[in-house]
Amino acid sequence: VQLVESGGGLVQAGGSLRLSCAASRSIFSIYAMGWYRQAPGKQRELVATITSDTSGGITNYPDSVKGRFTISRDNAKNTVYLQINSLKPEDTAVYYCNARGPYVYWGQGTQVTVSS
């Protein structure tokens, strides 16, 4: 399975972005999907997850992003999204898509830069 992220870019603080993660085949029935981010000099951190279809598609977020980040998916397009609102400079990072199931897959990442 290949995961390809897109949608990153340079945005002003307060703006919004929608990141996309396209999977090369249908996996959402048995794979949980997640978005992580890694800022320079920091560890990769989890920012959103959605469980597999068979597990109910339940979403979860850490408190640090709750209310601003929304994960969703379009099964017909094999695509997971991350909507980020009210962007802050501290959201600047490379954002990675992750699929977790019988195996674990990662995308290559997409850069998000938020200017103040």
Protein backbone atom coordinates (compact mmCIF):
# COMPACT_ATOMS: atom_id res chain seq x y z
CA VAL A 1 0.00 0.00 0.00
CA GLN A 2 1.27 3.46 -0.88
CA LEU A 3 0.11 6.59 0.89
CA VAL A 4 0.54 9.94 -0.82
CA GLU A 5 -0.06 13.16 1.08
CA SER A 6 -0.84 16.50 -0.49
CA GLY A 7 -2.29 19.86 0.42
CA GLY A 8 0.49 21.35 2.47
CA GLY A 9 1.86 24.80 1.90
CA LEU A 10 2.53 28.22 3.33
CA VAL A 11 -0.38 29.86 5.09
CA GLN A 12 -0.85 32.80 7.42
CA ALA A 13 -1.78 32.31 11.04
CA GLY A 14 -5.52 32.03 11.43
CA GLY A 15 -5.96 30.39 8.07
CA SER A 16 -7.03 26.87 7.16
CA LEU A 17 -5.69 23.95 5.19
CA ARG A 18 -7.03 20.59 4.17
CA LEU A 19 -4.47 17.85 3.82
CA SER A 20 -5.20 14.76 1.79
CA CYS A 21 -3.78 11.25 1.97
CA ALA A 22 -4.56 9.00 -0.96
CA ALA A 23 -4.13 5.26 -0.48
CA SER A 24 -3.22 3.12 -3.48
CA ARG A 25 -6.02 0.68 -2.70
CA SER A 26 -9.02 0.26 -0.46
CA ILE A 27 -7.86 -0.38 3.10
CA PHE A 28 -10.18 1.55 5.38
CA SER A 29 -12.28 -1.48 6.20
CA ILE A 30 -9.47 -2.98 8.27
CA TYR A 31 -6.92 -0.19 8.67
CA ALA A 32 -7.04 2.64 11.17
CA MET A 33 -5.73 5.87 9.71
CA GLY A 34 -3.81 8.58 11.44
CA TRP A 35 -2.11 11.89 10.91
CA TYR A 36 1.17 12.70 12.61
CA ARG A 37 3.38 15.74 12.47
CA GLN A 38 7.03 16.41 13.11
CA ALA A 39 8.44 19.84 13.67
CA PRO A 40 12.18 20.53 13.31
CA GLY A 41 14.07 19.19 16.30
CA LYS A 42 10.99 17.56 17.79
CA GLN A 43 9.59 14.06 17.97
CA ARG A 44 6.84 12.96 15.67
CA GLU A 45 3.48 13.41 17.37
CA LEU A 46 0.04 12.04 16.70
CA VAL A 47 -2.59 14.66 15.86
CA ALA A 48 -5.61 12.68 14.68
CA THR A 49 -6.85 9.13 14.23
CA ILE A 50 -9.87 7.41 12.80
CA THR A 51 -10.54 3.73 13.39
CA SER A 52 -11.31 1.25 10.64
CA ASP A 53 -14.80 0.79 9.25
CA THR A 54 -15.12 -2.45 11.14
CA SER A 55 -14.28 -0.57 14.33
CA GLY A 56 -16.80 2.18 13.72
CA GLY A 57 -14.75 4.98 12.22
CA ILE A 58 -14.24 6.63 15.59
CA THR A 59 -12.12 9.75 15.62
CA ASN A 60 -9.74 10.88 18.31
CA TYR A 61 -7.49 13.87 18.89
CA PRO A 62 -4.98 14.97 21.49
CA ASP A 63 -6.07 17.93 23.59
CA SER A 64 -3.45 20.12 21.91
CA VAL A 65 -5.38 20.14 18.62
CA LYS A 66 -8.91 19.23 19.63
CA GLY A 67 -11.41 21.64 18.18
CA ARG A 68 -9.12 22.79 15.37
CA PHE A 69 -8.23 19.52 13.60
CA THR A 70 -10.75 17.22 11.95
CA ILE A 71 -9.96 13.87 10.36
CA SER A 72 -12.33 12.38 7.84
CA ARG A 73 -12.24 9.95 4.95
CA ASP A 74 -13.87 9.24 1.63
CA ASN A 75 -13.97 5.50 1.11
CA ALA A 76 -14.92 5.85 -2.55
CA LYS A 77 -11.72 7.83 -3.16
CA ASN A 78 -9.52 5.84 -0.75
CA THR A 79 -8.58 9.19 0.73
CA VAL A 80 -8.22 10.48 4.25
CA TYR A 81 -8.34 14.17 5.02
CA LEU A 82 -7.11 16.41 7.79
CA GLN A 83 -8.86 19.75 8.05
CA ILE A 84 -6.83 22.24 10.07
CA ASN A 85 -8.46 25.49 11.12
CA SER A 86 -7.19 28.51 13.03
CA LEU A 87 -3.63 27.64 12.10
CA LYS A 88 -0.89 28.74 14.47
CA PRO A 89 2.85 29.13 13.85
CA GLU A 90 3.43 26.17 16.16
CA ASP A 91 1.50 23.99 13.71
CA THR A 92 4.46 24.30 11.35
CA ALA A 93 5.69 20.77 10.67
CA VAL A 94 5.83 17.97 8.17
CA TYR A 95 2.53 16.13 8.33
CA TYR A 96 2.51 12.38 7.74
CA CYS A 97 -0.28 9.96 6.98
CA ASN A 98 -0.23 6.56 8.66
CA ALA A 99 -2.16 3.35 8.13
CA ARG A 100 -2.19 0.83 10.94
CA GLY A 101 -3.60 -2.67 10.58
CA PRO A 102 -2.08 -6.00 9.68
CA TYR A 103 0.86 -3.85 8.55
CA VAL A 104 1.95 -0.29 9.11
CA TYR A 105 2.37 2.17 6.25
CA TRP A 106 3.61 5.75 6.13
CA GLY A 107 3.37 8.44 3.54
CA GLN A 108 6.25 10.68 2.55
CA GLY A 109 4.88 13.75 4.32
CA THR A 110 3.69 17.18 3.30
CA GLN A 111 5.12 20.42 4.66
CA VAL A 112 2.88 22.89 6.44
CA THR A 113 4.36 26.27 7.24
CA VAL A 114 2.38 28.85 9.17
CA SER A 115 3.60 32.42 9.16
CA SER A 116 2.81 34.83 11.96
